[in-house]
Amino acid sequence: MSYLDRLKGELAEKGPPKELTKPTKGTFVSNVSTPSGHISENHLLIKACDGLDITPEQFDSLLTQEDRNLIIAGKFEDITLRAYAESFAEGIASGRIRLFKGQ
């Protein structure tokens, strides 16, 4: 008897699941851009910067408008934004990235 036949037999014995699980909700990113096009209050930027030596405002200032649009559209995963935040924070700390006064 093949593995597939055994699986089919086991499923036939057990029957369908008694209780269905609830579907998970996808991440929703609302458009929180300001008239200037900045998104520093976006919860994804806040989460990405958590515990790092970079503020969401600083992170936002280093993004292009295209990046902001992609973030708002939900095209970046949390892990990707975190990697960018870590890279920016390291760049600021090492002096490779310079921020303008007030950022």
N, C-alpha and C. Protein backbone atom coordinates (compact mmCIF):
# COMPACT_ATOMS: atom_id res chain seq x y z
N MET A 1 0.85 -1.18 0.00
CA MET A 1 0.00 0.00 0.00
C MET A 1 0.90 1.24 0.00
N SER A 2 0.57 2.20 -0.85
CA SER A 2 1.38 3.41 -0.96
C SER A 2 1.08 4.37 0.19
N TYR A 3 1.96 5.30 0.36
CA TYR A 3 1.78 6.32 1.40
C TYR A 3 0.49 7.09 1.18
N LEU A 4 0.21 7.45 -0.06
CA LEU A 4 -1.00 8.19 -0.38
C LEU A 4 -2.26 7.38 -0.04
N ASP A 5 -2.23 6.09 -0.33
CA ASP A 5 -3.37 5.24 0.01
C ASP A 5 -3.58 5.17 1.52
N ARG A 6 -2.49 5.07 2.28
CA ARG A 6 -2.58 5.05 3.75
C ARG A 6 -3.18 6.35 4.27
N LEU A 7 -2.72 7.49 3.70
CA LEU A 7 -3.25 8.78 4.13
C LEU A 7 -4.74 8.88 3.85
N LYS A 8 -5.14 8.46 2.66
CA LYS A 8 -6.56 8.49 2.32
C LYS A 8 -7.37 7.63 3.28
N GLY A 9 -6.85 6.48 3.63
CA GLY A 9 -7.53 5.59 4.57
C GLY A 9 -7.67 6.22 5.94
N GLU A 10 -6.59 6.85 6.43
CA GLU A 10 -6.64 7.51 7.73
C GLU A 10 -7.65 8.64 7.73
N LEU A 11 -7.68 9.43 6.67
CA LEU A 11 -8.63 10.53 6.58
C LEU A 11 -10.06 10.01 6.52
N ALA A 12 -10.28 8.90 5.82
CA ALA A 12 -11.62 8.32 5.73
C ALA A 12 -12.08 7.84 7.11
N GLU A 13 -11.16 7.29 7.91
CA GLU A 13 -11.51 6.81 9.25
C GLU A 13 -11.83 7.97 10.19
N LYS A 14 -11.03 9.01 10.14
CA LYS A 14 -11.20 10.14 11.06
C LYS A 14 -12.38 11.01 10.67
N GLY A 15 -12.63 11.14 9.41
CA GLY A 15 -13.70 12.01 8.94
C GLY A 15 -13.23 13.45 8.91
N PRO A 16 -14.12 14.37 8.53
CA PRO A 16 -13.74 15.78 8.44
C PRO A 16 -13.51 16.37 9.83
N PRO A 17 -12.78 17.47 9.91
CA PRO A 17 -12.54 18.10 11.21
C PRO A 17 -13.87 18.51 11.85
N LYS A 18 -13.93 18.40 13.16
CA LYS A 18 -15.15 18.72 13.89
C LYS A 18 -15.41 20.22 13.93
N GLU A 19 -14.34 20.99 14.03
CA GLU A 19 -14.49 22.44 14.16
C GLU A 19 -13.55 23.13 13.18
N LEU A 20 -14.08 24.00 12.41
CA LEU A 20 -13.25 24.75 11.47
C LEU A 20 -12.57 25.89 12.20
N THR A 21 -11.37 26.20 11.76
CA THR A 21 -10.67 27.34 12.36
C THR A 21 -11.12 28.62 11.67
N LYS A 22 -10.99 29.71 12.39
CA LYS A 22 -11.36 31.01 11.84
C LYS A 22 -10.25 31.48 10.91
N PRO A 23 -10.59 32.10 9.79
CA PRO A 23 -9.54 32.63 8.92
C PRO A 23 -8.82 33.78 9.61
N THR A 24 -7.54 33.89 9.32
CA THR A 24 -6.78 34.99 9.89
C THR A 24 -7.01 36.25 9.08
N LYS A 25 -6.92 37.36 9.74
CA LYS A 25 -7.09 38.64 9.05
C LYS A 25 -5.74 39.09 8.51
N GLY A 26 -5.75 39.65 7.32
CA GLY A 26 -4.53 40.18 6.73
C GLY A 26 -4.17 41.52 7.35
N THR A 27 -2.94 41.92 7.17
CA THR A 27 -2.49 43.21 7.67
C THR A 27 -3.16 44.31 6.87
N PHE A 28 -3.71 45.27 7.56
CA PHE A 28 -4.34 46.40 6.90
C PHE A 28 -3.52 47.63 7.19
N VAL A 29 -3.12 48.31 6.16
CA VAL A 29 -2.35 49.54 6.31
C VAL A 29 -3.20 50.66 5.77
N SER A 30 -3.62 51.52 6.68
CA SER A 30 -4.43 52.64 6.22
C SER A 30 -3.53 53.76 5.72
N ASN A 31 -4.07 54.61 4.92
CA ASN A 31 -3.32 55.73 4.40
C ASN A 31 -3.24 56.79 5.49
N VAL A 32 -2.08 56.89 6.09
CA VAL A 32 -1.89 57.86 7.17
C VAL A 32 -0.92 58.96 6.74
N SER A 33 -0.77 59.13 5.46
CA SER A 33 0.17 60.14 4.99
C SER A 33 -0.36 61.53 5.29
N THR A 34 0.55 62.40 5.55
CA THR A 34 0.20 63.79 5.81
C THR A 34 0.22 64.55 4.50
N PRO A 35 -0.24 65.79 4.49
CA PRO A 35 -0.20 66.56 3.24
C PRO A 35 1.20 66.63 2.63
N SER A 36 2.23 66.54 3.47
CA SER A 36 3.60 66.60 2.95
C SER A 36 4.04 65.26 2.36
N GLY A 37 3.21 64.23 2.52
CA GLY A 37 3.56 62.93 1.97
C GLY A 37 4.34 62.05 2.93
N HIS A 38 4.55 62.48 4.16
CA HIS A 38 5.31 61.69 5.12
C HIS A 38 4.39 60.73 5.86
N ILE A 39 4.95 59.61 6.27
CA ILE A 39 4.14 58.57 6.91
C ILE A 39 4.75 58.13 8.24
N SER A 40 5.42 59.03 8.94
CA SER A 40 6.14 58.65 10.16
C SER A 40 5.23 58.11 11.25
N GLU A 41 3.94 58.40 11.19
CA GLU A 41 3.04 57.87 12.21
C GLU A 41 2.45 56.53 11.81
N ASN A 42 2.85 55.99 10.69
CA ASN A 42 2.38 54.69 10.24
C ASN A 42 2.84 53.64 11.25
N HIS A 43 1.92 52.78 11.67
CA HIS A 43 2.25 51.79 12.70
C HIS A 43 3.35 50.83 12.26
N LEU A 44 3.51 50.61 10.96
CA LEU A 44 4.58 49.73 10.50
C LEU A 44 5.95 50.36 10.71
N LEU A 45 6.05 51.67 10.50
CA LEU A 45 7.34 52.35 10.75
C LEU A 45 7.64 52.37 12.24
N ILE A 46 6.61 52.62 13.03
CA ILE A 46 6.80 52.64 14.49
C ILE A 46 7.29 51.27 14.96
N LYS A 47 6.66 50.22 14.47
CA LYS A 47 7.06 48.85 14.83
C LYS A 47 8.47 48.54 14.34
N ALA A 48 8.81 48.96 13.13
CA ALA A 48 10.14 48.68 12.56
C ALA A 48 11.25 49.35 13.36
N CYS A 49 10.96 50.51 13.94
CA CYS A 49 11.98 51.27 14.67
C CYS A 49 12.06 50.91 16.15
N ASP A 50 11.13 50.11 16.63
CA ASP A 50 11.05 49.78 18.05
C ASP A 50 12.35 49.17 18.56
N GLY A 51 12.94 49.81 19.55
CA GLY A 51 14.17 49.32 20.16
C GLY A 51 15.44 49.69 19.43
N LEU A 52 15.33 50.43 18.35
CA LEU A 52 16.51 50.84 17.58
C LEU A 52 16.81 52.31 17.84
N ASP A 53 18.01 52.72 17.50
CA ASP A 53 18.41 54.13 17.64
C ASP A 53 18.04 54.93 16.41
N ILE A 54 16.77 54.80 16.01
CA ILE A 54 16.23 55.58 14.91
C ILE A 54 14.74 55.79 15.20
N THR A 55 14.28 56.99 14.95
CA THR A 55 12.87 57.29 15.18
C THR A 55 12.08 57.05 13.89
N PRO A 56 10.78 56.86 14.00
CA PRO A 56 9.98 56.74 12.79
C PRO A 56 10.11 57.98 11.89
N GLU A 57 10.28 59.15 12.49
CA GLU A 57 10.44 60.38 11.71
C GLU A 57 11.75 60.35 10.92
N GLN A 58 12.83 59.87 11.55
CA GLN A 58 14.11 59.75 10.85
C GLN A 58 14.03 58.73 9.73
N PHE A 59 13.41 57.60 10.02
CA PHE A 59 13.23 56.55 9.01
C PHE A 59 12.45 57.12 7.83
N ASP A 60 11.36 57.79 8.12
CA ASP A 60 10.52 58.38 7.08
C ASP A 60 11.31 59.36 6.22
N SER A 61 12.18 60.14 6.86
CA SER A 61 12.93 61.15 6.11
C SER A 61 13.92 60.54 5.12
N LEU A 62 14.27 59.29 5.33
CA LEU A 62 15.22 58.60 4.45
C LEU A 62 14.53 57.83 3.32
N LEU A 63 13.20 57.80 3.33
CA LEU A 63 12.45 57.09 2.31
C LEU A 63 12.15 57.97 1.11
N THR A 64 12.02 57.35 -0.04
CA THR A 64 11.56 58.08 -1.21
C THR A 64 10.03 58.07 -1.19
N GLN A 65 9.42 58.92 -1.99
CA GLN A 65 7.96 58.92 -2.05
C GLN A 65 7.46 57.59 -2.60
N GLU A 66 8.21 56.99 -3.50
CA GLU A 66 7.81 55.68 -4.04
C GLU A 66 7.80 54.63 -2.92
N ASP A 67 8.83 54.66 -2.04
CA ASP A 67 8.86 53.75 -0.89
C ASP A 67 7.63 53.97 -0.01
N ARG A 68 7.32 55.24 0.26
CA ARG A 68 6.15 55.55 1.10
C ARG A 68 4.87 54.98 0.49
N ASN A 69 4.72 55.16 -0.81
CA ASN A 69 3.53 54.66 -1.50
C ASN A 69 3.44 53.14 -1.39
N LEU A 70 4.58 52.46 -1.52
CA LEU A 70 4.59 51.00 -1.41
C LEU A 70 4.26 50.54 0.01
N ILE A 71 4.75 51.27 1.00
CA ILE A 71 4.44 50.92 2.39
C ILE A 71 2.95 51.10 2.65
N ILE A 72 2.41 52.21 2.21
CA ILE A 72 0.99 52.48 2.39
C ILE A 72 0.15 51.41 1.69
N ALA A 73 0.62 50.95 0.53
CA ALA A 73 -0.10 49.93 -0.23
C ALA A 73 0.09 48.53 0.35
N GLY A 74 0.94 48.41 1.38
CA GLY A 74 1.15 47.11 2.01
C GLY A 74 2.08 46.19 1.24
N LYS A 75 2.97 46.76 0.44
CA LYS A 75 3.87 45.96 -0.41
C LYS A 75 5.14 45.53 0.31
N PHE A 76 5.41 46.07 1.50
CA PHE A 76 6.59 45.68 2.27
C PHE A 76 6.15 44.83 3.46
N GLU A 77 6.84 43.74 3.70
CA GLU A 77 6.57 42.93 4.88
C GLU A 77 7.25 43.57 6.08
N ASP A 78 6.75 43.24 7.27
CA ASP A 78 7.32 43.78 8.51
C ASP A 78 8.82 43.52 8.61
N ILE A 79 9.23 42.31 8.25
CA ILE A 79 10.64 41.94 8.36
C ILE A 79 11.51 42.77 7.43
N THR A 80 10.99 43.13 6.28
CA THR A 80 11.73 43.96 5.32
C THR A 80 11.90 45.36 5.87
N LEU A 81 10.82 45.93 6.41
CA LEU A 81 10.92 47.27 6.99
C LEU A 81 11.87 47.28 8.18
N ARG A 82 11.85 46.22 8.98
CA ARG A 82 12.75 46.14 10.13
C ARG A 82 14.21 46.11 9.65
N ALA A 83 14.47 45.37 8.59
CA ALA A 83 15.84 45.29 8.05
C ALA A 83 16.30 46.66 7.56
N TYR A 84 15.40 47.40 6.90
CA TYR A 84 15.75 48.75 6.47
C TYR A 84 16.02 49.64 7.68
N ALA A 85 15.18 49.56 8.69
CA ALA A 85 15.35 50.39 9.89
C ALA A 85 16.68 50.08 10.56
N GLU A 86 17.02 48.80 10.66
CA GLU A 86 18.30 48.41 11.26
C GLU A 86 19.47 48.96 10.45
N SER A 87 19.37 48.85 9.14
CA SER A 87 20.44 49.35 8.26
C SER A 87 20.58 50.86 8.39
N PHE A 88 19.45 51.58 8.38
CA PHE A 88 19.49 53.03 8.54
C PHE A 88 20.08 53.41 9.89
N ALA A 89 19.68 52.72 10.95
CA ALA A 89 20.18 53.02 12.30
C ALA A 89 21.68 52.81 12.37
N GLU A 90 22.17 51.72 11.77
CA GLU A 90 23.61 51.46 11.75
C GLU A 90 24.33 52.53 10.94
N GLY A 91 23.73 52.94 9.82
CA GLY A 91 24.34 53.97 8.98
C GLY A 91 24.43 55.31 9.70
N ILE A 92 23.40 55.65 10.45
CA ILE A 92 23.41 56.91 11.22
C ILE A 92 24.47 56.83 12.30
N ALA A 93 24.51 55.71 13.02
CA ALA A 93 25.48 55.54 14.12
C ALA A 93 26.92 55.58 13.63
N SER A 94 27.17 55.03 12.44
CA SER A 94 28.54 54.99 11.92
C SER A 94 28.93 56.27 11.18
N GLY A 95 27.96 57.13 10.89
CA GLY A 95 28.25 58.35 10.16
C GLY A 95 28.10 58.22 8.65
N ARG A 96 27.78 57.01 8.17
CA ARG A 96 27.57 56.82 6.73
C ARG A 96 26.34 57.57 6.25
N ILE A 97 25.35 57.67 7.13
CA ILE A 97 24.12 58.40 6.80
C ILE A 97 24.06 59.62 7.70
N ARG A 98 23.92 60.77 7.07
CA ARG A 98 23.82 62.03 7.83
C ARG A 98 22.42 62.57 7.70
N LEU A 99 21.89 62.95 8.83
CA LEU A 99 20.55 63.53 8.87
C LEU A 99 20.70 65.05 8.95
N PHE A 100 19.75 65.74 8.35
CA PHE A 100 19.72 67.18 8.47
C PHE A 100 19.29 67.56 9.89
N LYS A 101 19.71 68.72 10.31
CA LYS A 101 19.36 69.18 11.66
C LYS A 101 17.84 69.17 11.82
N GLY A 102 17.39 68.69 12.96
CA GLY A 102 15.97 68.62 13.24
C GLY A 102 15.36 67.27 12.92
N GLN A 103 16.15 66.35 12.39
CA GLN A 103 15.64 65.02 12.08
C GLN A 103 16.11 64.02 13.11
